Protein backbone atom coordinates (compact mmCIF):
# COMPACT_ATOMS: atom_id res chain seq x y z
CA UNK A 1 104.36 115.69 131.34
CA UNK A 2 101.78 116.64 128.71
CA UNK A 3 99.92 114.05 127.26
CA UNK A 4 97.11 113.99 124.60
CA UNK A 5 94.75 110.73 124.42
CA UNK A 6 92.17 109.39 121.22
CA UNK A 7 90.13 106.82 120.50
CA UNK A 8 87.78 105.27 118.15
CA UNK A 9 88.65 107.41 115.37
CA UNK A 10 86.38 104.61 112.61
CA UNK A 11 88.10 105.18 109.93
CA UNK A 12 86.44 103.77 106.61
CA UNK A 13 83.13 105.27 108.37
CA UNK A 14 81.53 106.62 105.42
CA UNK A 15 77.79 107.14 105.58
CA UNK A 16 75.80 110.03 104.48
CA UNK A 17 79.39 111.02 102.01
CA UNK A 18 80.47 111.12 98.12
CA UNK A 19 83.59 110.46 96.25
CA UNK A 20 85.48 114.07 96.13
CA UNK A 21 86.28 114.46 92.34
CA UNK A 22 90.03 115.81 93.10
CA UNK A 23 90.57 112.77 95.02
CA UNK A 24 88.93 109.96 94.97
CA UNK A 25 88.34 109.00 98.55
CA UNK A 26 84.94 109.21 100.14
CA UNK A 27 84.66 112.79 101.23
CA UNK A 28 83.41 110.96 104.78
CA UNK A 29 87.37 109.40 104.47
CA UNK A 30 88.37 113.08 104.35
CA UNK A 31 86.43 114.76 106.79
CA UNK A 32 87.80 112.24 109.73
CA UNK A 33 92.01 112.32 108.19
CA UNK A 34 91.58 116.01 108.82
CA UNK A 35 90.68 115.65 112.44
CA UNK A 36 93.05 112.91 112.75
CA UNK A 37 95.70 115.41 110.88
CA UNK A 38 94.13 118.83 113.48
CA UNK A 39 95.64 116.10 116.58
CA UNK A 40 98.47 115.37 115.50
CA UNK A 41 99.00 119.20 114.49
CA UNK A 42 97.64 119.65 118.43
CA UNK A 43 100.59 117.23 119.47
CA UNK A 44 103.47 118.85 117.76
CA UNK A 45 102.43 122.27 118.20
CA UNK A 46 102.07 121.41 121.59
CA UNK A 47 104.87 119.96 122.32
CA UNK A 48 102.88 116.46 123.67
CA UNK A 49 105.63 114.10 125.44
CA UNK A 50 103.20 111.35 124.99
CA UNK A 51 99.58 110.54 122.66
CA UNK A 52 97.56 108.17 123.87
CA UNK A 53 95.12 106.91 121.08
CA UNK A 54 92.92 104.11 122.47
CA UNK A 55 91.41 101.92 120.18
CA UNK A 56 88.99 101.39 116.80
CA UNK A 57 91.38 102.84 114.21
CA UNK A 58 89.10 102.07 111.91
CA UNK A 59 85.37 100.87 111.00
CA UNK A 60 85.95 96.84 110.29
CA UNK A 61 88.48 93.90 111.17
CA UNK A 62 90.15 94.33 107.42
CA UNK A 63 90.68 97.71 106.88
CA UNK A 64 91.73 98.88 103.44
CA UNK A 65 94.99 99.75 101.89
CA UNK A 66 95.06 103.49 101.53
CA UNK A 67 92.92 103.49 104.93
CA UNK A 68 96.31 101.76 106.28
CA UNK A 69 98.38 103.72 104.21
CA UNK A 70 96.46 107.36 105.52
CA UNK A 71 96.80 106.61 108.98
CA UNK A 72 100.04 105.29 109.14
CA UNK A 73 101.52 108.76 107.45
CA UNK A 74 99.55 110.77 110.45
CA UNK A 75 101.25 108.33 112.88
CA UNK A 76 104.86 108.29 110.96
CA UNK A 77 104.76 112.09 110.97
CA UNK A 78 104.22 111.48 115.40
CA UNK A 79 106.62 109.07 115.40
CA UNK A 80 109.11 110.75 113.38
CA UNK A 81 108.86 113.86 115.13
CA UNK A 82 109.78 112.36 119.26
CA UNK A 83 106.47 112.41 119.88
């Protein structure tokens, strides 16, 4: 069984970033989402059986709707591929 573990994503930490003119989102948020995309891609490409995410998806207890939506999109990719 192949298990991939990750934690402490902290979506919403946006220090030292700027607003991306193409998306209107913080460049730091885009950086974190790109890193999460890499985790998901790795899991799918390497036929991982289980992805274990151990918390701290967001910086705060009240993430924005954008942060929630973007996190859910990536988790949904795993789910629709039976991971």
